[in-house]
Amino acid sequence: MVELTLPNDANIYSSEYNLYLPDKQLLQQILAEWSEGYENLKTENND
């Protein structure tokens, strides 16, 4: 089962195919790390 939070017309495609998905907790952790890195990058660029 996959949970999506995108609108039906988002036109977002996968760049690779995996036979399994990591667990939800791991995906949330990775997303949080990427988000933190993005925020840090934005802060550095505004200085």
N, C-alpha and C. Protein backbone atom coordinates (compact mmCIF):
# COMPACT_ATOMS: atom_id res chain seq x y z
N MET A 1 0.84 -1.18 0.00
CA MET A 1 0.00 0.00 0.00
C MET A 1 0.89 1.24 0.00
N VAL A 2 0.50 2.21 -0.77
CA VAL A 2 1.25 3.47 -0.85
C VAL A 2 0.30 4.61 -0.53
N GLU A 3 0.73 5.51 0.33
CA GLU A 3 -0.07 6.69 0.66
C GLU A 3 0.49 7.87 -0.14
N LEU A 4 -0.36 8.55 -0.85
CA LEU A 4 0.05 9.72 -1.62
C LEU A 4 -0.67 10.96 -1.12
N THR A 5 0.02 12.08 -1.14
CA THR A 5 -0.59 13.34 -0.73
C THR A 5 -0.51 14.35 -1.87
N LEU A 6 -0.49 13.85 -3.09
CA LEU A 6 -0.39 14.72 -4.25
C LEU A 6 -1.74 14.80 -4.95
N PRO A 7 -2.02 15.93 -5.60
CA PRO A 7 -3.26 16.01 -6.38
C PRO A 7 -3.19 15.04 -7.56
N ASN A 8 -4.34 14.66 -8.07
CA ASN A 8 -4.41 13.70 -9.18
C ASN A 8 -3.68 14.18 -10.43
N ASP A 9 -3.60 15.48 -10.65
CA ASP A 9 -2.98 16.02 -11.86
C ASP A 9 -1.55 16.51 -11.62
N ALA A 10 -0.84 15.96 -10.65
CA ALA A 10 0.50 16.43 -10.28
C ALA A 10 1.56 16.11 -11.33
N ASN A 11 1.33 15.11 -12.17
CA ASN A 11 2.29 14.72 -13.21
C ASN A 11 3.70 14.48 -12.65
N ILE A 12 3.79 13.75 -11.57
CA ILE A 12 5.07 13.38 -10.98
C ILE A 12 5.31 11.90 -11.25
N TYR A 13 6.49 11.58 -11.76
CA TYR A 13 6.79 10.21 -12.15
C TYR A 13 7.99 9.68 -11.38
N SER A 14 8.09 8.39 -11.30
CA SER A 14 9.20 7.75 -10.60
C SER A 14 10.41 7.64 -11.52
N SER A 15 11.59 7.87 -10.96
CA SER A 15 12.81 7.73 -11.75
C SER A 15 13.42 6.33 -11.62
N GLU A 16 12.92 5.56 -10.69
CA GLU A 16 13.39 4.18 -10.54
C GLU A 16 12.29 3.33 -9.94
N TYR A 17 12.44 2.04 -10.07
CA TYR A 17 11.43 1.10 -9.59
C TYR A 17 12.08 0.17 -8.58
N ASN A 18 11.45 -0.01 -7.44
CA ASN A 18 11.94 -0.93 -6.42
C ASN A 18 10.88 -2.00 -6.16
N LEU A 19 11.33 -3.19 -5.83
CA LEU A 19 10.40 -4.27 -5.55
C LEU A 19 9.80 -4.18 -4.15
N TYR A 20 10.33 -3.30 -3.32
CA TYR A 20 9.81 -3.13 -1.98
C TYR A 20 9.94 -1.66 -1.59
N LEU A 21 9.19 -1.24 -0.62
CA LEU A 21 9.28 0.11 -0.09
C LEU A 21 9.88 0.05 1.31
N PRO A 22 10.73 1.02 1.66
CA PRO A 22 11.18 1.10 3.05
C PRO A 22 9.98 1.37 3.95
N ASP A 23 10.13 1.10 5.23
CA ASP A 23 9.00 1.36 6.12
C ASP A 23 8.73 2.86 6.25
N LYS A 24 7.54 3.18 6.67
CA LYS A 24 7.07 4.56 6.73
C LYS A 24 7.96 5.41 7.64
N GLN A 25 8.41 4.86 8.75
CA GLN A 25 9.25 5.60 9.69
C GLN A 25 10.58 6.01 9.04
N LEU A 26 11.19 5.11 8.28
CA LEU A 26 12.44 5.42 7.60
C LEU A 26 12.22 6.51 6.54
N LEU A 27 11.13 6.42 5.79
CA LEU A 27 10.84 7.44 4.79
C LEU A 27 10.63 8.81 5.44
N GLN A 28 9.95 8.85 6.57
CA GLN A 28 9.75 10.11 7.28
C GLN A 28 11.07 10.68 7.77
N GLN A 29 11.97 9.83 8.23
CA GLN A 29 13.28 10.27 8.71
C GLN A 29 14.09 10.87 7.56
N ILE A 30 14.10 10.20 6.42
CA ILE A 30 14.84 10.69 5.26
C ILE A 30 14.27 12.02 4.79
N LEU A 31 12.96 12.12 4.74
CA LEU A 31 12.33 13.37 4.33
C LEU A 31 12.69 14.51 5.27
N ALA A 32 12.70 14.25 6.56
CA ALA A 32 13.07 15.27 7.54
C ALA A 32 14.51 15.72 7.34
N GLU A 33 15.42 14.78 7.05
CA GLU A 33 16.82 15.12 6.82
C GLU A 33 16.96 15.98 5.56
N TRP A 34 16.27 15.61 4.49
CA TRP A 34 16.33 16.38 3.25
C TRP A 34 15.76 17.78 3.46
N SER A 35 14.67 17.85 4.20
CA SER A 35 14.03 19.13 4.47
C SER A 35 14.97 20.04 5.27
N GLU A 36 15.62 19.47 6.27
CA GLU A 36 16.57 20.23 7.08
C GLU A 36 17.73 20.72 6.22
N GLY A 37 18.24 19.86 5.36
CA GLY A 37 19.33 20.24 4.46
C GLY A 37 18.91 21.36 3.52
N TYR A 38 17.69 21.30 3.01
CA TYR A 38 17.18 22.34 2.13
C TYR A 38 17.06 23.67 2.87
N GLU A 39 16.54 23.63 4.09
CA GLU A 39 16.40 24.86 4.88
C GLU A 39 17.76 25.46 5.18
N ASN A 40 18.75 24.61 5.48
CA ASN A 40 20.10 25.10 5.72
C ASN A 40 20.68 25.75 4.47
N LEU A 41 20.44 25.15 3.32
CA LEU A 41 20.92 25.69 2.05
C LEU A 41 20.28 27.05 1.78
N LYS A 42 18.97 27.17 2.01
CA LYS A 42 18.29 28.45 1.80
C LYS A 42 18.88 29.52 2.72
N THR A 43 19.14 29.17 3.97
CA THR A 43 19.70 30.11 4.93
C THR A 43 21.08 30.58 4.50
N GLU A 44 21.92 29.65 4.03
CA GLU A 44 23.26 29.99 3.57
C GLU A 44 23.22 30.92 2.36
N ASN A 45 22.28 30.70 1.46
CA ASN A 45 22.17 31.52 0.26
C ASN A 45 21.63 32.90 0.54
N ASN A 46 20.93 33.09 1.64
CA ASN A 46 20.38 34.39 1.99
C ASN A 46 21.35 35.25 2.77
N ASP A 47 22.45 34.67 3.23
CA ASP A 47 23.46 35.44 3.99
C ASP A 47 24.31 36.30 3.11
